[in-house]
Amino acid sequence: QVQLVESGGGLVQPGGSLKLSCAASGSIFSPNTMGWYRQAPGKERALVADITSSGSTNYADSVKGRFTISRDNAKNTVYLQMNSLKPEDTAVYYCNLRDYRLRVRHDYWGQGTQVTVSS
C-alpha cells in the first residue's frame, strides 16, 4: 500500500502564489508517475500536472506557464508551485501516484487539500 500526505493548501488572493507538497510512503513501485489533480464544485476531477520518475512533465493547458511541477525521488515527494493564481483555480487538489505493475495501472490518492483564490 502507498500513502500520500498533502500539505500547502489555503487561501490566497488572485495573482498570488502557493506551493503544494505531497509525500509518498509505503510500498512504492518504480518507475511511477506522480501528479496533481483538482476538482472544483460541479466539475469532474481533472489533471493539473504530472511528472514521471525520470522528470518528464505534463500540464493541463489551463495552467501552462503558471504552475510548475517537480519531484524529489529521494524523498518520494512531489511539489506543485502555483503562481499567478486565478479564481478559477479554486478547487480541492489531490495528489496522485500511479504505476503499471504487471501491465496493470495502480492509482493511489491523497486526501485532498483546499485551494481557494479569492479577494
C-alpha atoms as a PDB file:
ATOM      1  CA  GLN A   1       0.000   0.000   0.000  1.00  0.00           C
ATOM      2  CA  VAL A   2       1.015   3.573  -0.709  1.00  0.00           C
ATOM      3  CA  GLN A   3       0.027   6.537   1.404  1.00  0.00           C
ATOM      4  CA  LEU A   4       0.076  10.126   0.173  1.00  0.00           C
ATOM      5  CA  VAL A   5       0.063  13.092   2.530  1.00  0.00           C
ATOM      6  CA  GLU A   6      -0.531  16.571   1.145  1.00  0.00           C
ATOM      7  CA  SER A   7       0.176  19.986   2.563  1.00  0.00           C
ATOM      8  CA  GLY A   8       0.294  23.613   1.488  1.00  0.00           C
ATOM      9  CA  GLY A   9      -3.279  24.441   0.589  1.00  0.00           C
ATOM     10  CA  GLY A  10      -5.007  27.568   1.764  1.00  0.00           C
ATOM     11  CA  LEU A  11      -6.488  30.919   0.858  1.00  0.00           C
ATOM     12  CA  VAL A  12      -4.655  33.248  -1.496  1.00  0.00           C
ATOM     13  CA  GLN A  13      -5.522  36.405  -3.407  1.00  0.00           C
ATOM     14  CA  PRO A  14      -5.728  36.483  -7.202  1.00  0.00           C
ATOM     15  CA  GLY A  15      -2.256  36.843  -8.642  1.00  0.00           C
ATOM     16  CA  GLY A  16      -0.699  35.248  -5.610  1.00  0.00           C
ATOM     17  CA  SER A  17       1.319  32.079  -5.225  1.00  0.00           C
ATOM     18  CA  LEU A  18       1.052  28.850  -3.321  1.00  0.00           C
ATOM     19  CA  LYS A  19       3.163  25.711  -3.158  1.00  0.00           C
ATOM     20  CA  LEU A  20       1.710  22.275  -2.543  1.00  0.00           C
ATOM     21  CA  SER A  21       3.682  19.290  -1.317  1.00  0.00           C
ATOM     22  CA  CYS A  22       2.860  15.598  -1.284  1.00  0.00           C
ATOM     23  CA  ALA A  23       4.960  12.936   0.386  1.00  0.00           C
ATOM     24  CA  ALA A  24       4.511   9.284  -0.529  1.00  0.00           C
ATOM     25  CA  SER A  25       5.293   6.382   1.750  1.00  0.00           C
ATOM     26  CA  GLY A  26       4.823   2.635   1.781  1.00  0.00           C
ATOM     27  CA  SER A  27       5.434   0.112  -0.976  1.00  0.00           C
ATOM     28  CA  ILE A  28       6.323   2.478  -3.791  1.00  0.00           C
ATOM     29  CA  PHE A  29       6.917   0.846  -7.157  1.00  0.00           C
ATOM     30  CA  SER A  30       9.321   2.405  -9.591  1.00  0.00           C
ATOM     31  CA  PRO A  31       9.081   3.743 -12.213  1.00  0.00           C
ATOM     32  CA  ASN A  32       5.983   5.744 -11.464  1.00  0.00           C
ATOM     33  CA  THR A  33       4.232   8.986 -12.179  1.00  0.00           C
ATOM     34  CA  MET A  34       3.222  11.467  -9.509  1.00  0.00           C
ATOM     35  CA  GLY A  35       0.892  14.327 -10.130  1.00  0.00           C
ATOM     36  CA  TRP A  36      -1.835  16.673  -9.080  1.00  0.00           C
ATOM     37  CA  TYR A  37      -5.496  16.626  -9.948  1.00  0.00           C
ATOM     38  CA  ARG A  38      -8.153  19.091  -8.918  1.00  0.00           C
ATOM     39  CA  GLN A  39     -11.891  19.117  -8.556  1.00  0.00           C
ATOM     40  CA  ALA A  40     -13.982  22.259  -8.427  1.00  0.00           C
ATOM     41  CA  PRO A  41     -17.625  22.295  -7.321  1.00  0.00           C
ATOM     42  CA  GLY A  42     -19.839  20.822 -10.016  1.00  0.00           C
ATOM     43  CA  LYS A  43     -16.919  19.614 -12.112  1.00  0.00           C
ATOM     44  CA  GLU A  44     -15.110  16.335 -12.603  1.00  0.00           C
ATOM     45  CA  ARG A  45     -11.678  15.704 -11.203  1.00  0.00           C
ATOM     46  CA  ALA A  46      -9.138  16.759 -13.819  1.00  0.00           C
ATOM     47  CA  LEU A  47      -5.400  16.520 -14.289  1.00  0.00           C
ATOM     48  CA  VAL A  48      -3.401  19.605 -13.376  1.00  0.00           C
ATOM     49  CA  ALA A  49       0.111  18.277 -13.933  1.00  0.00           C
ATOM     50  CA  ASP A  50       2.142  15.138 -13.545  1.00  0.00           C
ATOM     51  CA  ILE A  51       5.765  14.104 -13.627  1.00  0.00           C
ATOM     52  CA  THR A  52       7.493  10.787 -14.211  1.00  0.00           C
ATOM     53  CA  SER A  53      10.346   9.305 -12.220  1.00  0.00           C
ATOM     54  CA  SER A  54      12.704  10.488 -14.950  1.00  0.00           C
ATOM     55  CA  GLY A  55      11.384  14.038 -14.850  1.00  0.00           C
ATOM     56  CA  SER A  56       9.098  14.243 -17.875  1.00  0.00           C
ATOM     57  CA  THR A  57       6.219  16.639 -17.202  1.00  0.00           C
ATOM     58  CA  ASN A  58       2.712  17.133 -18.464  1.00  0.00           C
ATOM     59  CA  TYR A  59       0.444  20.119 -17.795  1.00  0.00           C
ATOM     60  CA  ALA A  60      -3.149  20.994 -18.371  1.00  0.00           C
ATOM     61  CA  ASP A  61      -3.449  23.835 -20.869  1.00  0.00           C
ATOM     62  CA  SER A  62      -5.142  25.998 -18.262  1.00  0.00           C
ATOM     63  CA  VAL A  63      -2.061  26.059 -16.014  1.00  0.00           C
ATOM     64  CA  LYS A  64       0.810  26.082 -18.504  1.00  0.00           C
ATOM     65  CA  GLY A  65       3.198  28.909 -17.800  1.00  0.00           C
ATOM     66  CA  ARG A  66       1.801  29.463 -14.316  1.00  0.00           C
ATOM     67  CA  PHE A  67       2.300  26.174 -12.483  1.00  0.00           C
ATOM     68  CA  THR A  68       5.459  24.119 -12.139  1.00  0.00           C
ATOM     69  CA  ILE A  69       5.570  20.517 -11.005  1.00  0.00           C
ATOM     70  CA  SER A  70       8.706  18.947  -9.593  1.00  0.00           C
ATOM     71  CA  ARG A  71       9.698  15.931  -7.543  1.00  0.00           C
ATOM     72  CA  ASP A  72      12.386  14.706  -5.232  1.00  0.00           C
ATOM     73  CA  ASN A  73      12.782  10.982  -5.823  1.00  0.00           C
ATOM     74  CA  ALA A  74      14.950  10.512  -2.750  1.00  0.00           C
ATOM     75  CA  LYS A  75      12.136  11.890  -0.593  1.00  0.00           C
ATOM     76  CA  ASN A  76       9.290  10.415  -2.661  1.00  0.00           C
ATOM     77  CA  THR A  77       7.789  13.872  -2.713  1.00  0.00           C
ATOM     78  CA  VAL A  78       6.094  15.854  -5.449  1.00  0.00           C
ATOM     79  CA  TYR A  79       5.557  19.612  -5.440  1.00  0.00           C
ATOM     80  CA  LEU A  80       3.306  21.994  -7.284  1.00  0.00           C
ATOM     81  CA  GLN A  81       4.383  25.618  -7.418  1.00  0.00           C
ATOM     82  CA  MET A  82       1.359  27.705  -8.353  1.00  0.00           C
ATOM     83  CA  ASN A  83       1.899  31.285  -9.493  1.00  0.00           C
ATOM     84  CA  SER A  84      -0.415  33.926 -10.918  1.00  0.00           C
ATOM     85  CA  LEU A  85      -3.359  32.209  -9.323  1.00  0.00           C
ATOM     86  CA  LYS A  86      -6.840  32.896 -10.633  1.00  0.00           C
ATOM     87  CA  PRO A  87     -10.251  32.433  -9.012  1.00  0.00           C
ATOM     88  CA  GLU A  88     -10.905  29.579 -11.435  1.00  0.00           C
ATOM     89  CA  ASP A  89      -8.017  27.692  -9.836  1.00  0.00           C
ATOM     90  CA  THR A  90     -10.146  27.291  -6.728  1.00  0.00           C
ATOM     91  CA  ALA A  91     -10.609  23.581  -6.122  1.00  0.00           C
ATOM     92  CA  VAL A  92      -9.679  20.656  -3.969  1.00  0.00           C
ATOM     93  CA  TYR A  93      -6.265  19.490  -5.125  1.00  0.00           C
ATOM     94  CA  TYR A  94      -5.459  15.789  -4.920  1.00  0.00           C
ATOM     95  CA  CYS A  95      -2.059  14.172  -5.057  1.00  0.00           C
ATOM     96  CA  ASN A  96      -1.800  11.063  -7.213  1.00  0.00           C
ATOM     97  CA  LEU A  97       0.747   8.323  -7.705  1.00  0.00           C
ATOM     98  CA  ARG A  98       0.351   5.737 -10.435  1.00  0.00           C
ATOM     99  CA  ASP A  99       2.364   2.833 -11.684  1.00  0.00           C
ATOM    100  CA  TYR A 100       1.910  -0.056 -14.114  1.00  0.00           C
ATOM    101  CA  ARG A 101       2.940  -3.181 -12.320  1.00  0.00           C
ATOM    102  CA  LEU A 102       2.363  -6.285 -14.468  1.00  0.00           C
ATOM    103  CA  ARG A 103       0.742  -4.101 -17.140  1.00  0.00           C
ATOM    104  CA  VAL A 104      -1.980  -3.060 -14.715  1.00  0.00           C
ATOM    105  CA  ARG A 105      -2.492   0.543 -13.678  1.00  0.00           C
ATOM    106  CA  HIS A 106      -2.382   1.220  -9.960  1.00  0.00           C
ATOM    107  CA  ASP A 107      -3.559   4.526  -8.525  1.00  0.00           C
ATOM    108  CA  TYR A 108      -3.064   5.999  -5.094  1.00  0.00           C
ATOM    109  CA  TRP A 109      -4.641   9.226  -3.883  1.00  0.00           C
ATOM    110  CA  GLY A 110      -4.100  11.755  -1.177  1.00  0.00           C
ATOM    111  CA  GLN A 111      -6.888  13.122   0.962  1.00  0.00           C
ATOM    112  CA  GLY A 112      -7.085  16.407  -0.921  1.00  0.00           C
ATOM    113  CA  THR A 113      -6.212  19.937   0.099  1.00  0.00           C
ATOM    114  CA  GLN A 114      -8.363  23.002  -0.479  1.00  0.00           C
ATOM    115  CA  VAL A 115      -7.008  25.873  -2.549  1.00  0.00           C
ATOM    116  CA  THR A 116      -9.149  28.989  -2.587  1.00  0.00           C
ATOM    117  CA  VAL A 117      -8.270  32.001  -4.737  1.00  0.00           C
ATOM    118  CA  SER A 118     -10.338  34.986  -3.726  1.00  0.00           C
ATOM    119  CA  SER A 119     -10.029  38.646  -2.865  1.00  0.00           C
END
